[in-house]
Amino acid sequence: MIIQSKRVWIANGFIPAQLEINDGKITRIYDYDSQKADEDYGELRIVPGFIDVHSHGA
């Protein structure tokens, strides 16, 4: 599966890119619109590996 966005977080910044995903892992990164994308997220952000584990309360 290939997904793309104009705002993918790579190397400390958002860039236009495509991510190839196999078995739940990113296996390759392409330039934006260079391959046929299965999903196009447009201006929505893709932040690979970001996990927010904080919680509020006790």
PDB file of N, CA and C in Angstrom:
ATOM      1  N   MET A   1       0.845  -1.175   0.000  1.00  0.00           N
ATOM      2  CA  MET A   1       0.000   0.000   0.000  1.00  0.00           C
ATOM      3  C   MET A   1       0.889   1.236   0.000  1.00  0.00           C
ATOM      4  N   ILE A   2       0.496   2.219  -0.772  1.00  0.00           N
ATOM      5  CA  ILE A   2       1.222   3.496  -0.805  1.00  0.00           C
ATOM      6  C   ILE A   2       0.255   4.608  -0.410  1.00  0.00           C
ATOM      7  N   ILE A   3       0.665   5.379   0.606  1.00  0.00           N
ATOM      8  CA  ILE A   3      -0.114   6.544   1.016  1.00  0.00           C
ATOM      9  C   ILE A   3       0.734   7.790   0.768  1.00  0.00           C
ATOM     10  N   GLN A   4       0.059   8.912   0.602  1.00  0.00           N
ATOM     11  CA  GLN A   4       0.806  10.148   0.364  1.00  0.00           C
ATOM     12  C   GLN A   4       0.121  11.327   1.019  1.00  0.00           C
ATOM     13  N   SER A   5       0.918  12.346   1.269  1.00  0.00           N
ATOM     14  CA  SER A   5       0.431  13.611   1.802  1.00  0.00           C
ATOM     15  C   SER A   5       1.430  14.692   1.437  1.00  0.00           C
ATOM     16  N   LYS A   6       0.945  15.914   1.402  1.00  0.00           N
ATOM     17  CA  LYS A   6       1.837  17.044   1.175  1.00  0.00           C
ATOM     18  C   LYS A   6       2.546  17.436   2.453  1.00  0.00           C
ATOM     19  N   ARG A   7       2.189  16.749   3.581  1.00  0.00           N
ATOM     20  CA  ARG A   7       2.770  17.081   4.884  1.00  0.00           C
ATOM     21  C   ARG A   7       3.110  15.797   5.653  1.00  0.00           C
ATOM     22  N   VAL A   8       4.231  15.165   5.286  1.00  0.00           N
ATOM     23  CA  VAL A   8       4.713  13.964   5.979  1.00  0.00           C
ATOM     24  C   VAL A   8       5.919  14.362   6.813  1.00  0.00           C
ATOM     25  N   TRP A   9       5.925  14.002   8.090  1.00  0.00           N
ATOM     26  CA  TRP A   9       7.029  14.349   9.002  1.00  0.00           C
ATOM     27  C   TRP A   9       8.201  13.422   8.733  1.00  0.00           C
ATOM     28  N   ILE A  10       9.269  13.976   8.166  1.00  0.00           N
ATOM     29  CA  ILE A  10      10.494  13.225   7.886  1.00  0.00           C
ATOM     30  C   ILE A  10      11.672  14.140   8.191  1.00  0.00           C
ATOM     31  N   ALA A  11      12.614  13.644   8.980  1.00  0.00           N
ATOM     32  CA  ALA A  11      13.851  14.370   9.275  1.00  0.00           C
ATOM     33  C   ALA A  11      13.589  15.766   9.842  1.00  0.00           C
ATOM     34  N   ASN A  12      12.766  15.834  10.878  1.00  0.00           N
ATOM     35  CA  ASN A  12      12.503  17.073  11.609  1.00  0.00           C
ATOM     36  C   ASN A  12      11.747  18.146  10.835  1.00  0.00           C
ATOM     37  N   GLY A  13      10.936  17.728   9.872  1.00  0.00           N
ATOM     38  CA  GLY A  13      10.129  18.698   9.155  1.00  0.00           C
ATOM     39  C   GLY A  13       9.073  18.022   8.291  1.00  0.00           C
ATOM     40  N   PHE A  14       8.065  18.784   7.899  1.00  0.00           N
ATOM     41  CA  PHE A  14       7.023  18.268   7.015  1.00  0.00           C
ATOM     42  C   PHE A  14       7.427  18.477   5.568  1.00  0.00           C
ATOM     43  N   ILE A  15       7.352  17.402   4.782  1.00  0.00           N
ATOM     44  CA  ILE A  15       7.664  17.483   3.358  1.00  0.00           C
ATOM     45  C   ILE A  15       6.602  16.698   2.579  1.00  0.00           C
ATOM     46  N   PRO A  16       6.401  17.014   1.291  1.00  0.00           N
ATOM     47  CA  PRO A  16       5.521  16.196   0.462  1.00  0.00           C
ATOM     48  C   PRO A  16       6.204  14.854   0.197  1.00  0.00           C
ATOM     49  N   ALA A  17       5.498  13.750   0.459  1.00  0.00           N
ATOM     50  CA  ALA A  17       6.121  12.435   0.281  1.00  0.00           C
ATOM     51  C   ALA A  17       5.070  11.343   0.186  1.00  0.00           C
ATOM     52  N   GLN A  18       5.539  10.177  -0.256  1.00  0.00           N
ATOM     53  CA  GLN A  18       4.735   8.962  -0.269  1.00  0.00           C
ATOM     54  C   GLN A  18       5.418   7.932   0.616  1.00  0.00           C
ATOM     55  N   LEU A  19       4.613   7.128   1.303  1.00  0.00           N
ATOM     56  CA  LEU A  19       5.138   6.057   2.141  1.00  0.00           C
ATOM     57  C   LEU A  19       4.592   4.734   1.630  1.00  0.00           C
ATOM     58  N   GLU A  20       5.487   3.787   1.389  1.00  0.00           N
ATOM     59  CA  GLU A  20       5.063   2.432   1.039  1.00  0.00           C
ATOM     60  C   GLU A  20       5.009   1.631   2.332  1.00  0.00           C
ATOM     61  N   ILE A  21       3.874   0.982   2.575  1.00  0.00           N
ATOM     62  CA  ILE A  21       3.666   0.251   3.818  1.00  0.00           C
ATOM     63  C   ILE A  21       3.391  -1.213   3.498  1.00  0.00           C
ATOM     64  N   ASN A  22       4.171  -2.107   4.113  1.00  0.00           N
ATOM     65  CA  ASN A  22       3.994  -3.546   3.969  1.00  0.00           C
ATOM     66  C   ASN A  22       4.010  -4.183   5.348  1.00  0.00           C
ATOM     67  N   ASP A  23       3.033  -5.015   5.631  1.00  0.00           N
ATOM     68  CA  ASP A  23       2.921  -5.695   6.937  1.00  0.00           C
ATOM     69  C   ASP A  23       2.978  -4.709   8.097  1.00  0.00           C
ATOM     70  N   GLY A  24       2.358  -3.524   7.927  1.00  0.00           N
ATOM     71  CA  GLY A  24       2.297  -2.536   8.990  1.00  0.00           C
ATOM     72  C   GLY A  24       3.565  -1.743   9.215  1.00  0.00           C
ATOM     73  N   LYS A  25       4.544  -1.878   8.333  1.00  0.00           N
ATOM     74  CA  LYS A  25       5.817  -1.155   8.470  1.00  0.00           C
ATOM     75  C   LYS A  25       6.103  -0.334   7.222  1.00  0.00           C
ATOM     76  N   ILE A  26       6.722   0.824   7.427  1.00  0.00           N
ATOM     77  CA  ILE A  26       7.143   1.654   6.294  1.00  0.00           C
ATOM     78  C   ILE A  26       8.365   0.987   5.673  1.00  0.00           C
ATOM     79  N   THR A  27       8.271   0.636   4.403  1.00  0.00           N
ATOM     80  CA  THR A  27       9.377  -0.057   3.747  1.00  0.00           C
ATOM     81  C   THR A  27      10.114   0.816   2.733  1.00  0.00           C
ATOM     82  N   ARG A  28       9.464   1.928   2.316  1.00  0.00           N
ATOM     83  CA  ARG A  28      10.121   2.803   1.346  1.00  0.00           C
ATOM     84  C   ARG A  28       9.466   4.170   1.366  1.00  0.00           C
ATOM     85  N   ILE A  29      10.253   5.182   1.068  1.00  0.00           N
ATOM     86  CA  ILE A  29       9.759   6.553   0.964  1.00  0.00           C
ATOM     87  C   ILE A  29      10.028   7.035  -0.455  1.00  0.00           C
ATOM     88  N   TYR A  30       8.991   7.603  -1.073  1.00  0.00           N
ATOM     89  CA  TYR A  30       9.106   8.118  -2.441  1.00  0.00           C
ATOM     90  C   TYR A  30       8.828   9.610  -2.450  1.00  0.00           C
ATOM     91  N   ASP A  31       9.220  10.267  -3.532  1.00  0.00           N
ATOM     92  CA  ASP A  31       8.824  11.654  -3.753  1.00  0.00           C
ATOM     93  C   ASP A  31       7.310  11.699  -3.933  1.00  0.00           C
ATOM     94  N   TYR A  32       6.714  12.792  -3.520  1.00  0.00           N
ATOM     95  CA  TYR A  32       5.266  12.975  -3.634  1.00  0.00           C
ATOM     96  C   TYR A  32       4.807  12.822  -5.080  1.00  0.00           C
ATOM     97  N   ASP A  33       3.746  12.044  -5.277  1.00  0.00           N
ATOM     98  CA  ASP A  33       3.113  11.825  -6.581  1.00  0.00           C
ATOM     99  C   ASP A  33       3.990  11.081  -7.580  1.00  0.00           C
ATOM    100  N   SER A  34       5.043  10.389  -7.135  1.00  0.00           N
ATOM    101  CA  SER A  34       5.898   9.665  -8.076  1.00  0.00           C
ATOM    102  C   SER A  34       5.382   8.248  -8.364  1.00  0.00           C
ATOM    103  N   GLN A  35       4.569   7.692  -7.464  1.00  0.00           N
ATOM    104  CA  GLN A  35       3.972   6.369  -7.639  1.00  0.00           C
ATOM    105  C   GLN A  35       2.453   6.521  -7.581  1.00  0.00           C
ATOM    106  N   LYS A  36       1.726   5.498  -8.007  1.00  0.00           N
ATOM    107  CA  LYS A  36       0.269   5.507  -7.887  1.00  0.00           C
ATOM    108  C   LYS A  36      -0.081   5.281  -6.412  1.00  0.00           C
ATOM    109  N   ALA A  37      -0.745   6.244  -5.808  1.00  0.00           N
ATOM    110  CA  ALA A  37      -1.077   6.171  -4.378  1.00  0.00           C
ATOM    111  C   ALA A  37      -2.422   5.487  -4.166  1.00  0.00           C
ATOM    112  N   ASP A  38      -2.488   4.651  -3.126  1.00  0.00           N
ATOM    113  CA  ASP A  38      -3.746   4.021  -2.738  1.00  0.00           C
ATOM    114  C   ASP A  38      -4.615   4.988  -1.944  1.00  0.00           C
ATOM    115  N   GLU A  39      -3.978   5.838  -1.162  1.00  0.00           N
ATOM    116  CA  GLU A  39      -4.676   6.855  -0.369  1.00  0.00           C
ATOM    117  C   GLU A  39      -3.919   8.168  -0.486  1.00  0.00           C
ATOM    118  N   ASP A  40      -4.641   9.251  -0.732  1.00  0.00           N
ATOM    119  CA  ASP A  40      -4.036  10.579  -0.797  1.00  0.00           C
ATOM    120  C   ASP A  40      -4.653  11.424   0.315  1.00  0.00           C
ATOM    121  N   TYR A  41      -3.842  11.837   1.281  1.00  0.00           N
ATOM    122  CA  TYR A  41      -4.332  12.603   2.418  1.00  0.00           C
ATOM    123  C   TYR A  41      -4.186  14.108   2.233  1.00  0.00           C
ATOM    124  N   GLY A  42      -3.804  14.541   1.045  1.00  0.00           N
ATOM    125  CA  GLY A  42      -3.758  15.970   0.721  1.00  0.00           C
ATOM    126  C   GLY A  42      -2.943  16.775   1.711  1.00  0.00           C
ATOM    127  N   GLU A  43      -3.582  17.733   2.376  1.00  0.00           N
ATOM    128  CA  GLU A  43      -2.907  18.615   3.339  1.00  0.00           C
ATOM    129  C   GLU A  43      -2.890  18.043   4.761  1.00  0.00           C
ATOM    130  N   LEU A  44      -3.549  16.899   4.986  1.00  0.00           N
ATOM    131  CA  LEU A  44      -3.532  16.295   6.320  1.00  0.00           C
ATOM    132  C   LEU A  44      -2.126  15.806   6.651  1.00  0.00           C
ATOM    133  N   ARG A  45      -1.759  15.889   7.908  1.00  0.00           N
ATOM    134  CA  ARG A  45      -0.417  15.494   8.336  1.00  0.00           C
ATOM    135  C   ARG A  45      -0.315  13.981   8.542  1.00  0.00           C
ATOM    136  N   ILE A  46       0.812  13.417   8.113  1.00  0.00           N
ATOM    137  CA  ILE A  46       1.174  12.036   8.434  1.00  0.00           C
ATOM    138  C   ILE A  46       2.422  12.129   9.290  1.00  0.00           C
ATOM    139  N   VAL A  47       2.336  11.564  10.500  1.00  0.00           N
ATOM    140  CA  VAL A  47       3.453  11.630  11.442  1.00  0.00           C
ATOM    141  C   VAL A  47       3.826  10.193  11.822  1.00  0.00           C
ATOM    142  N   PRO A  48       4.691   9.530  11.033  1.00  0.00           N
ATOM    143  CA  PRO A  48       5.045   8.146  11.297  1.00  0.00           C
ATOM    144  C   PRO A  48       5.752   7.972  12.642  1.00  0.00           C
ATOM    145  N   GLY A  49       5.328   6.962  13.383  1.00  0.00           N
ATOM    146  CA  GLY A  49       6.000   6.600  14.629  1.00  0.00           C
ATOM    147  C   GLY A  49       5.661   7.455  15.823  1.00  0.00           C
ATOM    148  N   PHE A  50       4.829   8.476  15.647  1.00  0.00           N
ATOM    149  CA  PHE A  50       4.484   9.347  16.761  1.00  0.00           C
ATOM    150  C   PHE A  50       3.459   8.654  17.639  1.00  0.00           C
ATOM    151  N   ILE A  51       3.795   8.462  18.907  1.00  0.00           N
ATOM    152  CA  ILE A  51       2.889   7.843  19.860  1.00  0.00           C
ATOM    153  C   ILE A  51       2.743   8.778  21.047  1.00  0.00           C
ATOM    154  N   ASP A  52       1.540   9.208  21.316  1.00  0.00           N
ATOM    155  CA  ASP A  52       1.266  10.118  22.427  1.00  0.00           C
ATOM    156  C   ASP A  52       0.766   9.279  23.607  1.00  0.00           C
ATOM    157  N   VAL A  53       1.622   9.066  24.601  1.00  0.00           N
ATOM    158  CA  VAL A  53       1.272   8.167  25.699  1.00  0.00           C
ATOM    159  C   VAL A  53       0.928   8.905  27.012  1.00  0.00           C
ATOM    160  N   HIS A  54       0.798  10.223  26.953  1.00  0.00           N
ATOM    161  CA  HIS A  54       0.478  10.940  28.191  1.00  0.00           C
ATOM    162  C   HIS A  54      -0.992  10.751  28.542  1.00  0.00           C
ATOM    163  N   SER A  55      -1.301  10.931  29.812  1.00  0.00           N
ATOM    164  CA  SER A  55      -2.702  10.853  30.233  1.00  0.00           C
ATOM    165  C   SER A  55      -2.973  11.964  31.252  1.00  0.00           C
ATOM    166  N   HIS A  56      -4.245  12.292  31.396  1.00  0.00           N
ATOM    167  CA  HIS A  56      -4.668  13.317  32.341  1.00  0.00           C
ATOM    168  C   HIS A  56      -5.409  12.627  33.472  1.00  0.00           C
ATOM    169  N   GLY A  57      -5.127  13.005  34.686  1.00  0.00           N
ATOM    170  CA  GLY A  57      -5.775  12.376  35.830  1.00  0.00           C
ATOM    171  C   GLY A  57      -4.883  11.319  36.464  1.00  0.00           C
ATOM    172  N   ALA A  58      -5.444  10.590  37.379  1.00  0.00           N
ATOM    173  CA  ALA A  58      -4.638   9.592  38.082  1.00  0.00           C
ATOM    174  C   ALA A  58      -5.174   8.200  37.852  1.00  0.00           C
TER     175      ALA A  58
END
